[in-house]
Every structure is written in structure tokens, then in C-alpha cells.
Amino acid sequence: MSTARDLFVIAMDSGREPPVGQGDLSLALAGAELIDLLGHGHVTVDGDRVVPGVGSVLRDRLLGEASDGIVRTTPYEETEQWLWRRGEGLSATYQSTLEAEGELARKRGGRLTLGARRLEPVDTAARRDAVDRWQRRDPVLVALASAVGIGRGDDSNGNGDGDPGTDRDGDGSAVVEPGLDDEATTAVVAAVHDAIMELEAVRQRRTIENAAFANLWRGP
């Protein structure tokens, strides 16, 4: 599967409480798509701009849609701007797509709820590949999961292996392409973290404003 699909499965499998926010996950999914597009040669990152390229054929439909949505006129789009635009509603898109493909199934109960429906990954080859990538501490998957709060010192990989940021296999050199030693990939991950922090700041402002409004009506 793509990095975004793997990330979605890991988020569903994590059992994180509270569940991963859909807005946070949408931004991280957009970042995962952009990293895969980098790996396939469909884009490069020049400074803070996403520059279109001509890459290999994409077999993943959602990744193809992401490629089709790249701004191809100068001055091109800023990385964080692309994340916000592509990320709008992206978590719900992946949920419906994976459910339609039989990768997710409804469940009667559980810890993680997306919207009003309880879903869990089905034990398919794709899900096992995602879990294997997670257990190998793929640096890209770990970095993006960390951005949404998975793996920050909790048992978040679904099998009791602990924090993925500190428990690497062997000599800790589990590296896949693209890896975080790549400057463009690192820039995308940083942009994802910045966007999620900005989203959290918006949430906090709204909470404060709503509390102030409620106090105004409540009176002295």
C-alpha cells in the first residue's frame, strides 16, 4: 500500500485514547501522499514550494488524485498550503475508500471511533504489510505517526512493542526509501508538524472564545 494507507491503518490499529483527530490525521495523510509523490518523481521540493515533475505510473487511485491536484503553474504552491488544501476531508476519504475495498469493517464496539461509525482494519495482506512496516520502524511512517501523537511513549503499535521512536530493530538502521536522511522528505514532515500545531492553536482559540461567550451569557 501507499504510505498514507499504511498510516491510516496504523492510526486505526493504535488504540490511542483519545482517538486521533480527523483534522490532524488528514494533514498527516496529505504529507504521506506528498512523500510518496517525491519517491515516484512526481514532485520535488524547492525551498518551501512543491514543484511538479514527471514520474512513474501510479497504481494507487488516491495517490493519482493527489498528483493530479498539484499546482503546475509558477510560483507553485507552498508545501504547507498544499497540505491544507489536499488534506481537507482526506481522513474521511481514506476511511470510505478502505471500507469499500474491504480493508475496514464495522465492529460492535472498540476504542477507536471515526465519526459515528466504529471500524477496524480487516486482517488482510495489506494490513499485515502496514503492521510489518510499523514494526520495522520505517522512519517515514514513525515520523508521520508521531505528528498525530502515535508512539509518544505509549503502547501505540497495537502489539505491546512500545514507543516506535526509541525501540528500533538491530542497530536502529531500519531505513526505507524515501528516508528522513532525504532533505525534501524531512521538509515535508516538518511542514506536517507545523500544520498540525497550527490546527491545535486554532482549536485552543476557539475553546477560549466559546468559553468567554458562555461566561458573557451566564453573567456575573
C-alpha atoms as a PDB file:
ATOM      1  CA  MET A   1       0.000   0.000   0.000  1.00  0.00           C
ATOM      2  CA  SER A   2       0.933   3.657  -0.074  1.00  0.00           C
ATOM      3  CA  THR A   3       2.406   5.417   2.949  1.00  0.00           C
ATOM      4  CA  ALA A   4      -0.918   7.184   3.507  1.00  0.00           C
ATOM      5  CA  ARG A   5      -2.832   3.901   3.523  1.00  0.00           C
ATOM      6  CA  ASP A   6      -0.295   2.382   5.911  1.00  0.00           C
ATOM      7  CA  LEU A   7      -0.563   5.421   8.178  1.00  0.00           C
ATOM      8  CA  PHE A   8      -4.352   5.208   8.233  1.00  0.00           C
ATOM      9  CA  VAL A   9      -4.240   1.517   9.174  1.00  0.00           C
ATOM     10  CA  ILE A  10      -1.718   2.194  11.956  1.00  0.00           C
ATOM     11  CA  ALA A  11      -3.909   5.027  13.268  1.00  0.00           C
ATOM     12  CA  MET A  12      -6.893   2.655  13.313  1.00  0.00           C
ATOM     13  CA  ASP A  13      -4.840  -0.074  14.996  1.00  0.00           C
ATOM     14  CA  SER A  14      -3.213   2.132  17.603  1.00  0.00           C
ATOM     15  CA  GLY A  15      -6.000   2.064  20.182  1.00  0.00           C
ATOM     16  CA  ARG A  16      -4.966   5.594  21.129  1.00  0.00           C
ATOM     17  CA  GLU A  17      -7.126   7.388  23.692  1.00  0.00           C
ATOM     18  CA  PRO A  18      -8.408   9.895  22.826  1.00  0.00           C
ATOM     19  CA  PRO A  19      -8.605   8.793  19.194  1.00  0.00           C
ATOM     20  CA  VAL A  20      -6.505  10.533  16.559  1.00  0.00           C
ATOM     21  CA  GLY A  21      -8.267  13.722  15.459  1.00  0.00           C
ATOM     22  CA  GLN A  22      -9.555  13.597  11.899  1.00  0.00           C
ATOM     23  CA  GLY A  23      -8.080  17.012  11.113  1.00  0.00           C
ATOM     24  CA  ASP A  24      -4.630  16.020  12.379  1.00  0.00           C
ATOM     25  CA  LEU A  25      -4.778  12.706  10.537  1.00  0.00           C
ATOM     26  CA  SER A  26      -5.924  14.389   7.312  1.00  0.00           C
ATOM     27  CA  LEU A  27      -2.875  16.674   7.334  1.00  0.00           C
ATOM     28  CA  ALA A  28      -0.545  13.749   8.030  1.00  0.00           C
ATOM     29  CA  LEU A  29      -2.158  11.715   5.242  1.00  0.00           C
ATOM     30  CA  ALA A  30      -1.583  14.591   2.833  1.00  0.00           C
ATOM     31  CA  GLY A  31       2.050  14.663   3.942  1.00  0.00           C
ATOM     32  CA  ALA A  32       2.335  10.906   3.410  1.00  0.00           C
ATOM     33  CA  GLU A  33       0.989  11.302  -0.112  1.00  0.00           C
ATOM     34  CA  LEU A  34       3.451  14.083  -0.864  1.00  0.00           C
ATOM     35  CA  ILE A  35       6.367  11.954   0.355  1.00  0.00           C
ATOM     36  CA  ASP A  36       5.280   9.093  -1.902  1.00  0.00           C
ATOM     37  CA  LEU A  37       4.965  11.520  -4.823  1.00  0.00           C
ATOM     38  CA  LEU A  38       8.536  12.582  -4.100  1.00  0.00           C
ATOM     39  CA  GLY A  39       9.619   8.964  -4.188  1.00  0.00           C
ATOM     40  CA  HIS A  40       7.880   8.387  -7.518  1.00  0.00           C
ATOM     41  CA  GLY A  41       9.379  11.523  -9.055  1.00  0.00           C
ATOM     42  CA  HIS A  42       6.053  13.331  -9.479  1.00  0.00           C
ATOM     43  CA  VAL A  43       7.247  16.321  -7.424  1.00  0.00           C
ATOM     44  CA  THR A  44      10.332  17.870  -5.915  1.00  0.00           C
ATOM     45  CA  VAL A  45      10.513  20.302  -3.014  1.00  0.00           C
ATOM     46  CA  ASP A  46      12.396  23.514  -3.718  1.00  0.00           C
ATOM     47  CA  GLY A  47      12.628  25.545  -0.534  1.00  0.00           C
ATOM     48  CA  ASP A  48       9.033  25.765   0.651  1.00  0.00           C
ATOM     49  CA  ARG A  49       7.496  25.091  -2.790  1.00  0.00           C
ATOM     50  CA  VAL A  50       6.104  21.895  -4.298  1.00  0.00           C
ATOM     51  CA  VAL A  51       7.490  21.712  -7.833  1.00  0.00           C
ATOM     52  CA  PRO A  52       5.760  19.322 -10.279  1.00  0.00           C
ATOM     53  CA  GLY A  53       7.720  16.686 -12.118  1.00  0.00           C
ATOM     54  CA  VAL A  54       7.139  13.756 -14.468  1.00  0.00           C
ATOM     55  CA  GLY A  55       7.281  10.498 -12.571  1.00  0.00           C
ATOM     56  CA  SER A  56       6.443   6.838 -12.845  1.00  0.00           C
ATOM     57  CA  VAL A  57       2.958   5.412 -13.281  1.00  0.00           C
ATOM     58  CA  LEU A  58       0.917   5.429 -10.073  1.00  0.00           C
ATOM     59  CA  ARG A  59      -1.221   2.372  -9.393  1.00  0.00           C
ATOM     60  CA  ASP A  60      -2.868   3.834  -6.297  1.00  0.00           C
ATOM     61  CA  ARG A  61      -6.008   5.803  -7.181  1.00  0.00           C
ATOM     62  CA  LEU A  62      -5.841   8.239  -4.265  1.00  0.00           C
ATOM     63  CA  LEU A  63      -2.165   8.895  -4.878  1.00  0.00           C
ATOM     64  CA  GLY A  64      -3.017   9.551  -8.513  1.00  0.00           C
ATOM     65  CA  GLU A  65      -5.645  12.063  -7.432  1.00  0.00           C
ATOM     66  CA  ALA A  66      -3.039  13.769  -5.248  1.00  0.00           C
ATOM     67  CA  SER A  67      -0.676  14.000  -8.222  1.00  0.00           C
ATOM     68  CA  ASP A  68      -3.424  15.387 -10.451  1.00  0.00           C
ATOM     69  CA  GLY A  69      -4.077  18.108  -7.866  1.00  0.00           C
ATOM     70  CA  ILE A  70      -0.550  19.512  -7.861  1.00  0.00           C
ATOM     71  CA  VAL A  71      -0.367  23.174  -8.912  1.00  0.00           C
ATOM     72  CA  ARG A  72       1.657  23.240 -12.134  1.00  0.00           C
ATOM     73  CA  THR A  73       1.987  26.976 -12.700  1.00  0.00           C
ATOM     74  CA  THR A  74       4.618  29.225 -11.168  1.00  0.00           C
ATOM     75  CA  PRO A  75       5.301  30.272  -8.484  1.00  0.00           C
ATOM     76  CA  TYR A  76       3.890  26.857  -7.498  1.00  0.00           C
ATOM     77  CA  GLU A  77       2.336  26.109  -4.147  1.00  0.00           C
ATOM     78  CA  GLU A  78       3.871  26.261  -0.704  1.00  0.00           C
ATOM     79  CA  THR A  79       4.217  22.867   0.958  1.00  0.00           C
ATOM     80  CA  GLU A  80       2.049  23.732   3.954  1.00  0.00           C
ATOM     81  CA  GLN A  81      -0.559  25.310   1.701  1.00  0.00           C
ATOM     82  CA  TRP A  82      -0.696  22.092  -0.302  1.00  0.00           C
ATOM     83  CA  LEU A  83      -1.150  20.088   2.908  1.00  0.00           C
ATOM     84  CA  TRP A  84      -4.137  22.193   3.958  1.00  0.00           C
ATOM     85  CA  ARG A  85      -5.778  22.034   0.533  1.00  0.00           C
ATOM     86  CA  ARG A  86      -5.203  18.353  -0.158  1.00  0.00           C
ATOM     87  CA  GLY A  87      -5.832  17.405   3.453  1.00  0.00           C
ATOM     88  CA  GLU A  88      -9.360  18.793   3.622  1.00  0.00           C
ATOM     89  CA  GLY A  89     -11.579  15.809   4.456  1.00  0.00           C
ATOM     90  CA  LEU A  90      -8.816  13.370   3.476  1.00  0.00           C
ATOM     91  CA  SER A  91      -9.241  11.150   6.543  1.00  0.00           C
ATOM     92  CA  ALA A  92     -12.882  10.542   5.610  1.00  0.00           C
ATOM     93  CA  THR A  93     -11.840   9.830   2.012  1.00  0.00           C
ATOM     94  CA  TYR A  94      -9.388   7.150   3.104  1.00  0.00           C
ATOM     95  CA  GLN A  95     -11.930   5.698   5.512  1.00  0.00           C
ATOM     96  CA  SER A  96     -14.606   5.311   2.839  1.00  0.00           C
ATOM     97  CA  THR A  97     -12.122   4.027   0.259  1.00  0.00           C
ATOM     98  CA  LEU A  98     -10.595   1.380   2.521  1.00  0.00           C
ATOM     99  CA  GLU A  99     -14.033   0.309   3.701  1.00  0.00           C
ATOM    100  CA  ALA A 100     -15.239  -0.063   0.106  1.00  0.00           C
ATOM    101  CA  GLU A 101     -12.127  -2.114  -0.712  1.00  0.00           C
ATOM    102  CA  GLY A 102     -12.756  -4.455   2.222  1.00  0.00           C
ATOM    103  CA  GLU A 103      -9.774  -3.243   4.245  1.00  0.00           C
ATOM    104  CA  LEU A 104     -12.020  -1.912   7.035  1.00  0.00           C
ATOM    105  CA  ALA A 105     -15.078  -3.479   8.643  1.00  0.00           C
ATOM    106  CA  ARG A 106     -17.670  -2.270  11.106  1.00  0.00           C
ATOM    107  CA  LYS A 107     -17.403  -3.532  14.647  1.00  0.00           C
ATOM    108  CA  ARG A 108     -19.831  -3.653  17.542  1.00  0.00           C
ATOM    109  CA  GLY A 109     -17.524  -1.859  19.943  1.00  0.00           C
ATOM    110  CA  GLY A 110     -13.959  -0.742  20.415  1.00  0.00           C
ATOM    111  CA  ARG A 111     -11.686   2.037  21.433  1.00  0.00           C
ATOM    112  CA  LEU A 112     -11.305   3.958  18.193  1.00  0.00           C
ATOM    113  CA  THR A 113     -14.229   5.712  16.566  1.00  0.00           C
ATOM    114  CA  LEU A 114     -14.108   7.813  13.418  1.00  0.00           C
ATOM    115  CA  GLY A 115     -17.305   9.833  13.240  1.00  0.00           C
ATOM    116  CA  ALA A 116     -20.344   7.886  14.392  1.00  0.00           C
ATOM    117  CA  ARG A 117     -19.131   4.559  12.976  1.00  0.00           C
ATOM    118  CA  ARG A 118     -16.840   2.067  14.646  1.00  0.00           C
ATOM    119  CA  LEU A 119     -14.427   0.449  12.227  1.00  0.00           C
ATOM    120  CA  GLU A 120     -11.384  -1.776  12.472  1.00  0.00           C
ATOM    121  CA  PRO A 121      -8.797  -2.986   9.959  1.00  0.00           C
ATOM    122  CA  VAL A 122      -9.505  -6.394   8.448  1.00  0.00           C
ATOM    123  CA  ASP A 123      -6.699  -8.953   8.651  1.00  0.00           C
ATOM    124  CA  THR A 124      -5.636  -8.656   5.018  1.00  0.00           C
ATOM    125  CA  ALA A 125      -2.234  -8.833   3.340  1.00  0.00           C
ATOM    126  CA  ALA A 126      -2.242  -5.028   3.065  1.00  0.00           C
ATOM    127  CA  ARG A 127      -2.887  -4.626   6.778  1.00  0.00           C
ATOM    128  CA  ARG A 128      -0.139  -7.115   7.631  1.00  0.00           C
ATOM    129  CA  ASP A 129       2.280  -5.226   5.374  1.00  0.00           C
ATOM    130  CA  ALA A 130       1.428  -1.963   7.158  1.00  0.00           C
ATOM    131  CA  VAL A 131       1.974  -3.552  10.572  1.00  0.00           C
ATOM    132  CA  ASP A 132       5.257  -5.078   9.391  1.00  0.00           C
ATOM    133  CA  ARG A 133       6.423  -1.670   8.166  1.00  0.00           C
ATOM    134  CA  TRP A 134       5.488  -0.196  11.541  1.00  0.00           C
ATOM    135  CA  GLN A 135       7.291  -2.905  13.489  1.00  0.00           C
ATOM    136  CA  ARG A 136      10.414  -2.379  11.350  1.00  0.00           C
ATOM    137  CA  ARG A 137      10.307   1.260  12.481  1.00  0.00           C
ATOM    138  CA  ASP A 138      10.088   2.696   8.990  1.00  0.00           C
ATOM    139  CA  PRO A 139      11.373   6.231   9.697  1.00  0.00           C
ATOM    140  CA  VAL A 140       8.803   7.951   7.471  1.00  0.00           C
ATOM    141  CA  LEU A 141       5.851   6.090   8.972  1.00  0.00           C
ATOM    142  CA  VAL A 142       7.152   6.624  12.512  1.00  0.00           C
ATOM    143  CA  ALA A 143       7.683  10.354  11.906  1.00  0.00           C
ATOM    144  CA  LEU A 144       4.207  10.891  10.460  1.00  0.00           C
ATOM    145  CA  ALA A 145       2.568   8.809  13.201  1.00  0.00           C
ATOM    146  CA  SER A 146       4.421  10.842  15.814  1.00  0.00           C
ATOM    147  CA  ALA A 147       2.990  14.013  14.281  1.00  0.00           C
ATOM    148  CA  VAL A 148      -0.523  12.830  15.180  1.00  0.00           C
ATOM    149  CA  GLY A 149       0.505  11.618  18.639  1.00  0.00           C
ATOM    150  CA  ILE A 150       1.038   7.912  17.957  1.00  0.00           C
ATOM    151  CA  GLY A 151       4.159   6.494  19.555  1.00  0.00           C
ATOM    152  CA  ARG A 152       4.877   9.235  22.071  1.00  0.00           C
ATOM    153  CA  GLY A 153       5.813   6.907  24.901  1.00  0.00           C
ATOM    154  CA  ASP A 154       2.603   4.858  24.770  1.00  0.00           C
ATOM    155  CA  ASP A 155       1.833   1.358  23.557  1.00  0.00           C
ATOM    156  CA  SER A 156       0.627   2.581  20.203  1.00  0.00           C
ATOM    157  CA  ASN A 157       1.551  -0.081  17.663  1.00  0.00           C
ATOM    158  CA  GLY A 158      -1.215  -2.436  18.712  1.00  0.00           C
ATOM    159  CA  ASN A 159       1.005  -5.277  19.937  1.00  0.00           C
ATOM    160  CA  GLY A 160       2.758  -4.001  23.034  1.00  0.00           C
ATOM    161  CA  ASP A 161       6.067  -3.045  21.478  1.00  0.00           C
ATOM    162  CA  GLY A 162       6.068   0.439  22.966  1.00  0.00           C
ATOM    163  CA  ASP A 163       7.388   3.704  21.598  1.00  0.00           C
ATOM    164  CA  PRO A 164       8.418   3.329  17.940  1.00  0.00           C
ATOM    165  CA  GLY A 165      10.724   6.292  18.232  1.00  0.00           C
ATOM    166  CA  THR A 166      13.035   4.545  20.695  1.00  0.00           C
ATOM    167  CA  ASP A 167      12.756   0.815  20.010  1.00  0.00           C
ATOM    168  CA  ARG A 168      14.328   0.143  16.621  1.00  0.00           C
ATOM    169  CA  ASP A 169      15.376  -3.229  15.243  1.00  0.00           C
ATOM    170  CA  GLY A 170      19.029  -4.277  15.304  1.00  0.00           C
ATOM    171  CA  ASP A 171      21.349  -1.320  15.053  1.00  0.00           C
ATOM    172  CA  GLY A 172      18.461   1.129  14.518  1.00  0.00           C
ATOM    173  CA  SER A 173      19.167   1.423  10.800  1.00  0.00           C
ATOM    174  CA  ALA A 174      15.749   0.369   9.510  1.00  0.00           C
ATOM    175  CA  VAL A 175      15.650   2.681   6.517  1.00  0.00           C
ATOM    176  CA  VAL A 176      13.360   2.526   3.500  1.00  0.00           C
ATOM    177  CA  GLU A 177      13.050   4.850   0.544  1.00  0.00           C
ATOM    178  CA  PRO A 178      12.386   7.672   0.891  1.00  0.00           C
ATOM    179  CA  GLY A 179      14.084   8.068   4.271  1.00  0.00           C
ATOM    180  CA  LEU A 180      14.397  11.000   6.613  1.00  0.00           C
ATOM    181  CA  ASP A 181      18.005  11.406   5.578  1.00  0.00           C
ATOM    182  CA  ASP A 182      16.468  12.964   2.474  1.00  0.00           C
ATOM    183  CA  GLU A 183      16.184  16.755   2.771  1.00  0.00           C
ATOM    184  CA  ALA A 184      12.902  17.028   0.852  1.00  0.00           C
ATOM    185  CA  THR A 185      11.232  14.312   2.941  1.00  0.00           C
ATOM    186  CA  THR A 186      12.420  15.950   6.138  1.00  0.00           C
ATOM    187  CA  ALA A 187      10.970  19.267   4.942  1.00  0.00           C
ATOM    188  CA  VAL A 188       7.575  17.662   4.290  1.00  0.00           C
ATOM    189  CA  VAL A 189       7.496  16.025   7.727  1.00  0.00           C
ATOM    190  CA  ALA A 190       8.403  19.369   9.319  1.00  0.00           C
ATOM    191  CA  ALA A 191       5.588  21.054   7.374  1.00  0.00           C
ATOM    192  CA  VAL A 192       3.134  18.412   8.643  1.00  0.00           C
ATOM    193  CA  HIS A 193       4.182  19.086  12.239  1.00  0.00           C
ATOM    194  CA  ASP A 194       3.813  22.855  11.694  1.00  0.00           C
ATOM    195  CA  ALA A 195       0.355  22.475  10.155  1.00  0.00           C
ATOM    196  CA  ILE A 196      -0.870  20.253  12.984  1.00  0.00           C
ATOM    197  CA  MET A 197       0.463  22.716  15.562  1.00  0.00           C
ATOM    198  CA  GLU A 198      -1.367  25.495  13.740  1.00  0.00           C
ATOM    199  CA  LEU A 199      -4.573  23.456  13.761  1.00  0.00           C
ATOM    200  CA  GLU A 200      -4.215  22.878  17.512  1.00  0.00           C
ATOM    201  CA  ALA A 201      -3.709  26.606  18.054  1.00  0.00           C
ATOM    202  CA  VAL A 202      -6.959  27.267  16.167  1.00  0.00           C
ATOM    203  CA  ARG A 203      -8.762  24.737  18.361  1.00  0.00           C
ATOM    204  CA  GLN A 204      -7.442  26.373  21.524  1.00  0.00           C
ATOM    205  CA  ARG A 205      -8.500  29.839  20.356  1.00  0.00           C
ATOM    206  CA  ARG A 206     -11.992  28.569  19.614  1.00  0.00           C
ATOM    207  CA  THR A 207     -12.221  26.914  23.030  1.00  0.00           C
ATOM    208  CA  ILE A 208     -11.225  30.159  24.741  1.00  0.00           C
ATOM    209  CA  GLU A 209     -13.629  32.215  22.617  1.00  0.00           C
ATOM    210  CA  ASN A 210     -16.511  29.800  23.260  1.00  0.00           C
ATOM    211  CA  ALA A 211     -15.813  29.823  26.996  1.00  0.00           C
ATOM    212  CA  ALA A 212     -15.736  33.633  27.022  1.00  0.00           C
ATOM    213  CA  PHE A 213     -19.014  33.760  25.092  1.00  0.00           C
ATOM    214  CA  ALA A 214     -20.639  31.315  27.504  1.00  0.00           C
ATOM    215  CA  ASN A 215     -19.471  33.368  30.501  1.00  0.00           C
ATOM    216  CA  LEU A 216     -20.865  36.526  28.910  1.00  0.00           C
ATOM    217  CA  TRP A 217     -24.315  34.991  28.675  1.00  0.00           C
ATOM    218  CA  ARG A 218     -24.069  33.371  32.088  1.00  0.00           C
ATOM    219  CA  GLY A 219     -23.461  36.766  33.638  1.00  0.00           C
ATOM    220  CA  PRO A 220     -21.856  37.691  36.962  1.00  0.00           C
END
